[in-house]
Amino acid sequence: CVIKIKFKKEGNAMKKKIILIFGLLLIFVMSCGGKHPAVKDFESTMKIYQSGDFTKMSQNSENATINPEVMKTFSEAYKKITYKINKTTVNKDEAIINVTMKAPDLSGVMKEAIVKIMQDPKLQAEGSDKIMTDLIKEKLNDTNNLKYNEKTFDIVYKKAQDKWFPDPYANKEYFQMITFGILNTQ
């Protein structure tokens, strides 16, 4: 079935507008429909982080034995993460997602917890989980002084058995951002 549209001389401007609109619609449809599976996985993971619903995350992990109070505290930090995907490059079994991410900077928390425990032996009885959660809550609630890290970096995904996974050896900056720098002891 072919549809012929006849335009009069004064209709040439209209013809150009219709072609332009169809072209824009085609570009829109093509750009929305073709997300790479690695990008879909990354966005799905970030959505879970930002929602703070770690029951979804723990269902995917067989070793989810993290204290619920710690998880609740971290969920508040995860809700503050923002990101933007800048570009995706795919080469066979590797996908590189370039992102700009902003996350709370909790890099001094581990050091502060160790110092507190060393200075006051009574705190050892409370346990490190409680001390860490109290310090994290304190930092997150101090909105006037809460610092953020913002970085642009690549996240490398590898394909294994038709699924895409973040490469645990190639994503140092990504893991630092999603752990809020807590593991940095510098």
N, C-alpha and C. Protein backbone atom coordinates (compact mmCIF):
# COMPACT_ATOMS: atom_id res chain seq x y z
N CYS A 1 0.84 -1.16 0.00
CA CYS A 1 0.00 0.00 0.00
C CYS A 1 0.89 1.24 0.00
N VAL A 2 0.73 2.08 -0.96
CA VAL A 2 1.52 3.29 -1.07
C VAL A 2 0.57 4.48 -0.98
N ILE A 3 0.95 5.40 -0.17
CA ILE A 3 0.13 6.60 -0.02
C ILE A 3 0.83 7.73 -0.74
N LYS A 4 0.14 8.33 -1.66
CA LYS A 4 0.71 9.45 -2.39
C LYS A 4 0.07 10.72 -1.87
N ILE A 5 0.95 11.67 -1.59
CA ILE A 5 0.46 12.96 -1.13
C ILE A 5 0.87 13.98 -2.17
N LYS A 6 -0.08 14.69 -2.70
CA LYS A 6 0.20 15.73 -3.69
C LYS A 6 0.23 17.07 -2.99
N PHE A 7 1.24 17.83 -3.32
CA PHE A 7 1.38 19.17 -2.75
C PHE A 7 1.32 20.19 -3.86
N LYS A 8 0.67 21.26 -3.60
CA LYS A 8 0.66 22.38 -4.53
C LYS A 8 1.94 23.17 -4.33
N LYS A 9 2.20 24.13 -5.17
CA LYS A 9 3.41 24.93 -5.05
C LYS A 9 3.52 25.57 -3.68
N GLU A 10 2.42 26.07 -3.18
CA GLU A 10 2.47 26.69 -1.87
C GLU A 10 2.58 25.65 -0.76
N GLY A 11 2.43 24.37 -1.10
CA GLY A 11 2.53 23.29 -0.14
C GLY A 11 3.95 22.78 0.06
N ASN A 12 4.93 23.29 -0.68
CA ASN A 12 6.31 22.83 -0.53
C ASN A 12 6.84 23.08 0.87
N ALA A 13 6.48 24.18 1.46
CA ALA A 13 6.91 24.46 2.83
C ALA A 13 6.28 23.46 3.79
N MET A 14 5.02 23.13 3.53
CA MET A 14 4.34 22.13 4.36
C MET A 14 5.01 20.77 4.19
N LYS A 15 5.38 20.43 2.96
CA LYS A 15 6.04 19.15 2.67
C LYS A 15 7.35 19.06 3.46
N LYS A 16 8.11 20.10 3.48
CA LYS A 16 9.38 20.12 4.21
C LYS A 16 9.14 19.94 5.71
N LYS A 17 8.11 20.57 6.23
CA LYS A 17 7.79 20.45 7.65
C LYS A 17 7.40 19.01 8.00
N ILE A 18 6.59 18.39 7.16
CA ILE A 18 6.16 17.01 7.42
C ILE A 18 7.36 16.06 7.37
N ILE A 19 8.22 16.23 6.40
CA ILE A 19 9.42 15.39 6.31
C ILE A 19 10.30 15.59 7.54
N LEU A 20 10.45 16.80 7.98
CA LEU A 20 11.25 17.11 9.17
C LEU A 20 10.65 16.44 10.41
N ILE A 21 9.34 16.53 10.56
CA ILE A 21 8.67 15.92 11.71
C ILE A 21 8.84 14.41 11.69
N PHE A 22 8.64 13.78 10.51
CA PHE A 22 8.83 12.33 10.41
C PHE A 22 10.28 11.94 10.71
N GLY A 23 11.21 12.73 10.25
CA GLY A 23 12.63 12.46 10.53
C GLY A 23 12.94 12.53 12.02
N LEU A 24 12.42 13.55 12.69
CA LEU A 24 12.62 13.68 14.13
C LEU A 24 11.97 12.54 14.89
N LEU A 25 10.77 12.14 14.49
CA LEU A 25 10.10 11.00 15.12
C LEU A 25 10.91 9.72 14.95
N LEU A 26 11.46 9.51 13.77
CA LEU A 26 12.27 8.32 13.52
C LEU A 26 13.51 8.31 14.40
N ILE A 27 14.18 9.43 14.51
CA ILE A 27 15.37 9.53 15.37
C ILE A 27 14.98 9.27 16.82
N PHE A 28 13.88 9.83 17.26
CA PHE A 28 13.41 9.63 18.64
C PHE A 28 13.13 8.16 18.92
N VAL A 29 12.39 7.51 18.02
CA VAL A 29 12.04 6.11 18.21
C VAL A 29 13.29 5.24 18.23
N MET A 30 14.24 5.49 17.36
CA MET A 30 15.45 4.68 17.30
C MET A 30 16.33 4.89 18.53
N SER A 31 16.39 6.11 19.04
CA SER A 31 17.26 6.37 20.20
C SER A 31 16.65 5.80 21.48
N CYS A 32 15.35 5.68 21.58
CA CYS A 32 14.72 5.18 22.80
C CYS A 32 14.69 3.66 22.87
N GLY A 33 14.66 3.01 21.75
CA GLY A 33 14.43 1.58 21.77
C GLY A 33 15.65 0.72 21.91
N GLY A 34 16.85 1.24 21.76
CA GLY A 34 17.99 0.36 21.65
C GLY A 34 19.01 0.45 22.75
N LYS A 35 18.62 0.41 23.99
CA LYS A 35 19.61 0.43 25.07
C LYS A 35 20.34 -0.89 25.12
N HIS A 36 21.62 -0.81 25.29
CA HIS A 36 22.46 -2.00 25.39
C HIS A 36 22.16 -2.72 26.71
N PRO A 37 22.24 -4.06 26.75
CA PRO A 37 21.97 -4.80 27.99
C PRO A 37 22.85 -4.37 29.17
N ALA A 38 24.08 -3.98 28.92
CA ALA A 38 24.95 -3.50 30.02
C ALA A 38 24.41 -2.20 30.60
N VAL A 39 23.93 -1.31 29.74
CA VAL A 39 23.35 -0.04 30.20
C VAL A 39 22.07 -0.32 31.00
N LYS A 40 21.26 -1.24 30.52
CA LYS A 40 20.03 -1.61 31.24
C LYS A 40 20.37 -2.16 32.62
N ASP A 41 21.41 -3.01 32.71
CA ASP A 41 21.82 -3.56 34.00
C ASP A 41 22.31 -2.46 34.93
N PHE A 42 23.15 -1.56 34.40
CA PHE A 42 23.66 -0.45 35.21
C PHE A 42 22.52 0.41 35.73
N GLU A 43 21.59 0.78 34.85
CA GLU A 43 20.46 1.63 35.26
C GLU A 43 19.57 0.92 36.27
N SER A 44 19.36 -0.37 36.09
CA SER A 44 18.55 -1.14 37.03
C SER A 44 19.21 -1.17 38.41
N THR A 45 20.51 -1.40 38.44
CA THR A 45 21.24 -1.41 39.71
C THR A 45 21.18 -0.05 40.38
N MET A 46 21.39 1.00 39.63
CA MET A 46 21.36 2.35 40.21
C MET A 46 19.95 2.69 40.71
N LYS A 47 18.94 2.21 40.02
CA LYS A 47 17.56 2.46 40.45
C LYS A 47 17.32 1.80 41.81
N ILE A 48 17.83 0.59 41.98
CA ILE A 48 17.69 -0.10 43.27
C ILE A 48 18.44 0.67 44.35
N TYR A 49 19.68 1.09 44.05
CA TYR A 49 20.45 1.88 45.03
C TYR A 49 19.68 3.12 45.44
N GLN A 50 19.22 3.88 44.44
CA GLN A 50 18.57 5.16 44.72
C GLN A 50 17.23 4.99 45.42
N SER A 51 16.58 3.86 45.24
CA SER A 51 15.30 3.63 45.92
C SER A 51 15.51 3.31 47.39
N GLY A 52 16.70 2.78 47.71
CA GLY A 52 16.97 2.38 49.08
C GLY A 52 16.32 1.06 49.44
N ASP A 53 15.74 0.36 48.46
CA ASP A 53 15.07 -0.92 48.71
C ASP A 53 16.07 -2.06 48.52
N PHE A 54 16.77 -2.38 49.58
CA PHE A 54 17.82 -3.38 49.49
C PHE A 54 17.29 -4.80 49.57
N THR A 55 15.98 -4.97 49.75
CA THR A 55 15.45 -6.33 49.70
C THR A 55 15.62 -6.89 48.29
N LYS A 56 15.50 -6.02 47.28
CA LYS A 56 15.72 -6.45 45.90
C LYS A 56 17.18 -6.84 45.69
N MET A 57 18.07 -6.07 46.27
CA MET A 57 19.49 -6.34 46.13
C MET A 57 19.85 -7.64 46.85
N SER A 58 19.35 -7.83 48.05
CA SER A 58 19.71 -9.01 48.83
C SER A 58 19.10 -10.28 48.23
N GLN A 59 18.03 -10.16 47.46
CA GLN A 59 17.47 -11.34 46.79
C GLN A 59 18.43 -11.85 45.72
N ASN A 60 19.24 -10.94 45.17
CA ASN A 60 20.20 -11.33 44.14
C ASN A 60 21.49 -11.84 44.74
N SER A 61 21.68 -11.68 46.02
CA SER A 61 22.93 -12.09 46.66
C SER A 61 22.66 -13.22 47.63
N GLU A 62 23.47 -14.27 47.52
CA GLU A 62 23.30 -15.42 48.40
C GLU A 62 23.89 -15.15 49.78
N ASN A 63 24.80 -14.20 49.89
CA ASN A 63 25.51 -13.96 51.14
C ASN A 63 25.09 -12.64 51.79
N ALA A 64 23.84 -12.29 51.72
CA ALA A 64 23.36 -11.02 52.26
C ALA A 64 23.17 -11.15 53.77
N THR A 65 24.25 -10.94 54.52
CA THR A 65 24.18 -11.06 55.98
C THR A 65 24.57 -9.74 56.63
N ILE A 66 24.12 -8.65 56.05
CA ILE A 66 24.47 -7.33 56.56
C ILE A 66 23.41 -6.90 57.56
N ASN A 67 23.86 -6.31 58.64
CA ASN A 67 22.99 -5.80 59.70
C ASN A 67 21.93 -4.88 59.09
N PRO A 68 20.64 -5.11 59.40
CA PRO A 68 19.57 -4.29 58.82
C PRO A 68 19.71 -2.79 59.15
N GLU A 69 20.24 -2.47 60.32
CA GLU A 69 20.43 -1.05 60.68
C GLU A 69 21.49 -0.41 59.80
N VAL A 70 22.53 -1.16 59.50
CA VAL A 70 23.58 -0.66 58.60
C VAL A 70 22.99 -0.46 57.20
N MET A 71 22.21 -1.42 56.74
CA MET A 71 21.59 -1.31 55.41
C MET A 71 20.66 -0.09 55.34
N LYS A 72 19.90 0.15 56.39
CA LYS A 72 19.00 1.30 56.42
C LYS A 72 19.80 2.60 56.34
N THR A 73 20.91 2.66 57.06
CA THR A 73 21.75 3.86 57.05
C THR A 73 22.35 4.08 55.67
N PHE A 74 22.86 3.01 55.07
CA PHE A 74 23.43 3.13 53.72
C PHE A 74 22.36 3.51 52.70
N SER A 75 21.14 3.04 52.89
CA SER A 75 20.09 3.36 51.93
C SER A 75 19.85 4.87 51.88
N GLU A 76 20.01 5.54 53.01
CA GLU A 76 19.86 7.01 53.02
C GLU A 76 20.96 7.67 52.20
N ALA A 77 22.16 7.12 52.25
CA ALA A 77 23.26 7.66 51.45
C ALA A 77 23.03 7.38 49.97
N TYR A 78 22.56 6.17 49.65
CA TYR A 78 22.32 5.81 48.25
C TYR A 78 21.25 6.67 47.61
N LYS A 79 20.29 7.10 48.38
CA LYS A 79 19.23 7.95 47.84
C LYS A 79 19.79 9.29 47.36
N LYS A 80 20.98 9.66 47.83
CA LYS A 80 21.58 10.95 47.47
C LYS A 80 22.48 10.85 46.23
N ILE A 81 22.67 9.65 45.69
CA ILE A 81 23.50 9.48 44.49
C ILE A 81 22.74 9.95 43.26
N THR A 82 23.44 10.68 42.40
CA THR A 82 22.90 11.04 41.09
C THR A 82 23.93 10.63 40.04
N TYR A 83 23.46 10.38 38.83
CA TYR A 83 24.38 10.01 37.75
C TYR A 83 23.79 10.42 36.41
N LYS A 84 24.68 10.47 35.42
CA LYS A 84 24.28 10.75 34.05
C LYS A 84 25.16 9.90 33.15
N ILE A 85 24.54 9.15 32.25
CA ILE A 85 25.31 8.37 31.28
C ILE A 85 25.67 9.30 30.14
N ASN A 86 26.97 9.42 29.88
CA ASN A 86 27.45 10.32 28.84
C ASN A 86 27.59 9.62 27.48
N LYS A 87 28.08 8.38 27.52
CA LYS A 87 28.36 7.69 26.26
C LYS A 87 28.54 6.20 26.56
N THR A 88 28.18 5.36 25.61
CA THR A 88 28.40 3.92 25.72
C THR A 88 29.14 3.45 24.48
N THR A 89 30.20 2.67 24.72
CA THR A 89 30.98 2.10 23.63
C THR A 89 31.00 0.59 23.81
N VAL A 90 30.67 -0.14 22.74
CA VAL A 90 30.63 -1.60 22.80
C VAL A 90 31.63 -2.16 21.80
N ASN A 91 32.43 -3.11 22.28
CA ASN A 91 33.39 -3.80 21.43
C ASN A 91 33.35 -5.28 21.78
N LYS A 92 32.63 -6.06 20.99
CA LYS A 92 32.46 -7.50 21.18
C LYS A 92 31.90 -7.82 22.57
N ASP A 93 32.72 -8.39 23.46
CA ASP A 93 32.26 -8.82 24.78
C ASP A 93 32.60 -7.81 25.87
N GLU A 94 32.78 -6.55 25.50
CA GLU A 94 33.08 -5.51 26.48
C GLU A 94 32.26 -4.27 26.16
N ALA A 95 31.65 -3.72 27.18
CA ALA A 95 30.89 -2.47 27.04
C ALA A 95 31.47 -1.47 28.03
N ILE A 96 31.72 -0.27 27.56
CA ILE A 96 32.25 0.79 28.42
C ILE A 96 31.20 1.89 28.50
N ILE A 97 30.73 2.12 29.72
CA ILE A 97 29.71 3.14 29.96
C ILE A 97 30.40 4.31 30.65
N ASN A 98 30.44 5.45 29.99
CA ASN A 98 31.03 6.64 30.58
C ASN A 98 29.93 7.38 31.33
N VAL A 99 30.15 7.60 32.64
CA VAL A 99 29.14 8.25 33.47
C VAL A 99 29.76 9.40 34.26
N THR A 100 28.91 10.32 34.63
CA THR A 100 29.25 11.34 35.62
C THR A 100 28.38 11.04 36.82
N MET A 101 29.04 10.82 37.96
CA MET A 101 28.31 10.42 39.17
C MET A 101 28.65 11.35 40.31
N LYS A 102 27.64 11.62 41.12
CA LYS A 102 27.81 12.44 42.32
C LYS A 102 27.26 11.65 43.50
N ALA A 103 28.12 11.50 44.55
CA ALA A 103 27.72 10.71 45.72
C ALA A 103 28.28 11.35 46.98
N PRO A 104 27.61 11.13 48.12
CA PRO A 104 28.14 11.66 49.39
C PRO A 104 29.56 11.14 49.64
N ASP A 105 30.40 12.01 50.19
CA ASP A 105 31.78 11.65 50.53
C ASP A 105 31.84 11.29 52.01
N LEU A 106 31.96 10.00 52.27
CA LEU A 106 32.06 9.52 53.65
C LEU A 106 33.44 8.92 53.91
N SER A 107 34.44 9.44 53.22
CA SER A 107 35.77 8.84 53.24
C SER A 107 36.44 8.86 54.60
N GLY A 108 36.11 9.75 55.48
CA GLY A 108 36.77 9.80 56.78
C GLY A 108 36.10 8.98 57.87
N VAL A 109 34.97 8.35 57.57
CA VAL A 109 34.18 7.65 58.57
C VAL A 109 34.93 6.47 59.19
N MET A 110 35.60 5.67 58.38
CA MET A 110 36.31 4.50 58.89
C MET A 110 37.40 4.92 59.87
N LYS A 111 38.15 5.93 59.50
CA LYS A 111 39.22 6.43 60.37
C LYS A 111 38.65 6.97 61.68
N GLU A 112 37.55 7.73 61.59
CA GLU A 112 36.91 8.27 62.79
C GLU A 112 36.42 7.15 63.71
N ALA A 113 35.86 6.10 63.13
CA ALA A 113 35.36 4.98 63.94
C ALA A 113 36.50 4.29 64.67
N ILE A 114 37.61 4.09 63.99
CA ILE A 114 38.77 3.44 64.61
C ILE A 114 39.32 4.30 65.75
N VAL A 115 39.41 5.59 65.51
CA VAL A 115 39.91 6.50 66.55
C VAL A 115 38.99 6.47 67.77
N LYS A 116 37.66 6.51 67.54
CA LYS A 116 36.71 6.48 68.66
C LYS A 116 36.84 5.21 69.48
N ILE A 117 36.97 4.09 68.80
CA ILE A 117 37.08 2.80 69.49
C ILE A 117 38.38 2.73 70.29
N MET A 118 39.46 3.24 69.71
CA MET A 118 40.76 3.20 70.39
C MET A 118 40.79 4.14 71.60
N GLN A 119 40.10 5.26 71.51
CA GLN A 119 40.10 6.24 72.60
C GLN A 119 39.19 5.83 73.76
N ASP A 120 38.13 5.10 73.47
CA ASP A 120 37.17 4.74 74.50
C ASP A 120 36.85 3.25 74.43
N PRO A 121 37.51 2.45 75.25
CA PRO A 121 37.30 1.00 75.22
C PRO A 121 35.85 0.58 75.48
N LYS A 122 35.07 1.43 76.15
CA LYS A 122 33.66 1.10 76.40
C LYS A 122 32.88 1.00 75.08
N LEU A 123 33.32 1.75 74.08
CA LEU A 123 32.65 1.72 72.78
C LEU A 123 32.83 0.38 72.07
N GLN A 124 33.89 -0.35 72.41
CA GLN A 124 34.12 -1.65 71.78
C GLN A 124 32.95 -2.59 72.07
N ALA A 125 32.35 -2.45 73.23
CA ALA A 125 31.22 -3.30 73.59
C ALA A 125 30.00 -3.01 72.72
N GLU A 126 29.87 -1.77 72.26
CA GLU A 126 28.73 -1.41 71.39
C GLU A 126 28.82 -2.09 70.04
N GLY A 127 30.03 -2.33 69.60
CA GLY A 127 30.23 -2.96 68.29
C GLY A 127 30.50 -1.93 67.22
N SER A 128 31.27 -2.35 66.24
CA SER A 128 31.67 -1.43 65.18
C SER A 128 30.50 -1.04 64.29
N ASP A 129 29.51 -1.93 64.12
CA ASP A 129 28.34 -1.60 63.29
C ASP A 129 27.62 -0.37 63.83
N LYS A 130 27.39 -0.34 65.14
CA LYS A 130 26.68 0.78 65.75
C LYS A 130 27.47 2.07 65.62
N ILE A 131 28.76 1.99 65.87
CA ILE A 131 29.60 3.18 65.77
C ILE A 131 29.61 3.71 64.33
N MET A 132 29.76 2.80 63.37
CA MET A 132 29.76 3.21 61.96
C MET A 132 28.42 3.82 61.56
N THR A 133 27.31 3.19 61.93
CA THR A 133 26.00 3.72 61.55
C THR A 133 25.75 5.08 62.19
N ASP A 134 26.17 5.24 63.44
CA ASP A 134 25.99 6.54 64.09
C ASP A 134 26.80 7.63 63.39
N LEU A 135 28.04 7.32 63.01
CA LEU A 135 28.87 8.30 62.32
C LEU A 135 28.29 8.64 60.94
N ILE A 136 27.84 7.63 60.22
CA ILE A 136 27.27 7.86 58.88
C ILE A 136 26.00 8.69 58.98
N LYS A 137 25.13 8.35 59.93
CA LYS A 137 23.90 9.13 60.13
C LYS A 137 24.22 10.58 60.44
N GLU A 138 25.20 10.77 61.31
CA GLU A 138 25.61 12.13 61.70
C GLU A 138 26.06 12.92 60.48
N LYS A 139 26.89 12.31 59.65
CA LYS A 139 27.40 13.00 58.45
C LYS A 139 26.26 13.30 57.46
N LEU A 140 25.40 12.31 57.22
CA LEU A 140 24.32 12.49 56.24
C LEU A 140 23.30 13.52 56.70
N ASN A 141 23.07 13.60 58.01
CA ASN A 141 22.10 14.56 58.53
C ASN A 141 22.64 15.98 58.62
N ASP A 142 23.95 16.13 58.56
CA ASP A 142 24.57 17.45 58.60
C ASP A 142 24.64 18.00 57.17
N THR A 143 23.46 18.35 56.63
CA THR A 143 23.37 18.74 55.22
C THR A 143 24.20 19.98 54.88
N ASN A 144 24.44 20.85 55.86
CA ASN A 144 25.24 22.04 55.57
C ASN A 144 26.71 21.71 55.34
N ASN A 145 27.19 20.64 55.95
CA ASN A 145 28.61 20.29 55.83
C ASN A 145 28.86 18.99 55.07
N LEU A 146 27.80 18.35 54.57
CA LEU A 146 27.97 17.11 53.83
C LEU A 146 28.69 17.40 52.52
N LYS A 147 29.79 16.70 52.31
CA LYS A 147 30.57 16.86 51.08
C LYS A 147 30.17 15.78 50.10
N TYR A 148 30.34 16.09 48.82
CA TYR A 148 30.05 15.15 47.75
C TYR A 148 31.28 14.98 46.87
N ASN A 149 31.42 13.79 46.33
CA ASN A 149 32.39 13.53 45.27
C ASN A 149 31.64 13.54 43.96
N GLU A 150 32.19 14.19 42.96
CA GLU A 150 31.61 14.15 41.63
C GLU A 150 32.73 13.81 40.66
N LYS A 151 32.54 12.73 39.91
CA LYS A 151 33.57 12.26 38.99
C LYS A 151 32.93 11.79 37.69
N THR A 152 33.70 11.90 36.63
CA THR A 152 33.34 11.30 35.36
C THR A 152 34.33 10.16 35.12
N PHE A 153 33.81 8.98 34.85
CA PHE A 153 34.67 7.81 34.70
C PHE A 153 33.96 6.75 33.85
N ASP A 154 34.72 5.72 33.49
CA ASP A 154 34.18 4.61 32.71
C ASP A 154 33.85 3.44 33.62
N ILE A 155 32.74 2.79 33.32
CA ILE A 155 32.37 1.54 33.99
C ILE A 155 32.47 0.46 32.92
N VAL A 156 33.30 -0.55 33.19
CA VAL A 156 33.54 -1.61 32.22
C VAL A 156 32.66 -2.81 32.55
N TYR A 157 31.89 -3.22 31.57
CA TYR A 157 31.07 -4.43 31.68
C TYR A 157 31.67 -5.49 30.76
N LYS A 158 31.63 -6.74 31.22
CA LYS A 158 32.09 -7.87 30.43
C LYS A 158 30.91 -8.82 30.21
N LYS A 159 30.91 -9.47 29.06
CA LYS A 159 29.86 -10.42 28.75
C LYS A 159 30.35 -11.82 29.10
N ALA A 160 29.52 -12.55 29.85
CA ALA A 160 29.81 -13.94 30.19
C ALA A 160 28.51 -14.74 30.12
N GLN A 161 28.48 -15.74 29.29
CA GLN A 161 27.31 -16.59 29.13
C GLN A 161 26.06 -15.76 28.81
N ASP A 162 26.14 -14.90 27.85
CA ASP A 162 25.04 -14.07 27.37
C ASP A 162 24.50 -13.07 28.38
N LYS A 163 25.24 -12.82 29.48
CA LYS A 163 24.85 -11.80 30.45
C LYS A 163 26.00 -10.82 30.60
N TRP A 164 25.66 -9.60 30.99
CA TRP A 164 26.65 -8.55 31.16
C TRP A 164 26.84 -8.26 32.65
N PHE A 165 28.10 -8.18 33.07
CA PHE A 165 28.45 -7.94 34.47
C PHE A 165 29.52 -6.87 34.57
N PRO A 166 29.46 -6.02 35.62
CA PRO A 166 30.55 -5.06 35.82
C PRO A 166 31.83 -5.83 36.12
N ASP A 167 32.91 -5.45 35.48
CA ASP A 167 34.20 -6.10 35.69
C ASP A 167 34.73 -5.70 37.07
N PRO A 168 34.88 -6.64 38.01
CA PRO A 168 35.30 -6.29 39.37
C PRO A 168 36.74 -5.76 39.45
N TYR A 169 37.53 -5.99 38.41
CA TYR A 169 38.93 -5.55 38.42
C TYR A 169 39.16 -4.22 37.71
N ALA A 170 38.19 -3.78 36.93
CA ALA A 170 38.39 -2.59 36.10
C ALA A 170 37.56 -1.39 36.52
N ASN A 171 36.88 -1.46 37.65
CA ASN A 171 35.94 -0.40 38.01
C ASN A 171 36.22 0.21 39.37
N LYS A 172 37.46 0.52 39.63
CA LYS A 172 37.86 1.06 40.93
C LYS A 172 37.09 2.34 41.29
N GLU A 173 37.00 3.27 40.35
CA GLU A 173 36.32 4.54 40.64
C GLU A 173 34.82 4.33 40.88
N TYR A 174 34.21 3.42 40.13
CA TYR A 174 32.79 3.12 40.33
C TYR A 174 32.56 2.56 41.73
N PHE A 175 33.38 1.60 42.14
CA PHE A 175 33.20 0.99 43.45
C PHE A 175 33.50 1.98 44.58
N GLN A 176 34.44 2.89 44.36
CA GLN A 176 34.69 3.93 45.36
C GLN A 176 33.48 4.85 45.51
N MET A 177 32.84 5.16 44.39
CA MET A 177 31.68 6.04 44.45
C MET A 177 30.49 5.36 45.15
N ILE A 178 30.24 4.08 44.84
CA ILE A 178 29.07 3.43 45.44
C ILE A 178 29.33 2.94 46.86
N THR A 179 30.59 3.04 47.31
CA THR A 179 30.88 2.77 48.73
C THR A 179 31.20 4.08 49.45
N PHE A 180 30.97 5.20 48.77
CA PHE A 180 31.09 6.55 49.33
C PHE A 180 32.49 6.85 49.84
N GLY A 181 33.50 6.12 49.37
CA GLY A 181 34.87 6.36 49.79
C GLY A 181 35.15 5.86 51.20
N ILE A 182 34.25 5.13 51.80
CA ILE A 182 34.44 4.66 53.18
C ILE A 182 35.68 3.79 53.31
N LEU A 183 35.96 3.01 52.29
CA LEU A 183 37.10 2.09 52.38
C LEU A 183 38.44 2.78 52.15
N ASN A 184 38.38 4.06 51.75
CA ASN A 184 39.63 4.84 51.62
C ASN A 184 40.13 5.21 53.00
N THR A 185 41.34 4.84 53.32
CA THR A 185 41.88 5.14 54.65
C THR A 185 42.91 6.26 54.61
N GLN A 186 43.03 6.93 53.50
CA GLN A 186 44.01 8.02 53.37
C GLN A 186 43.52 9.27 54.05
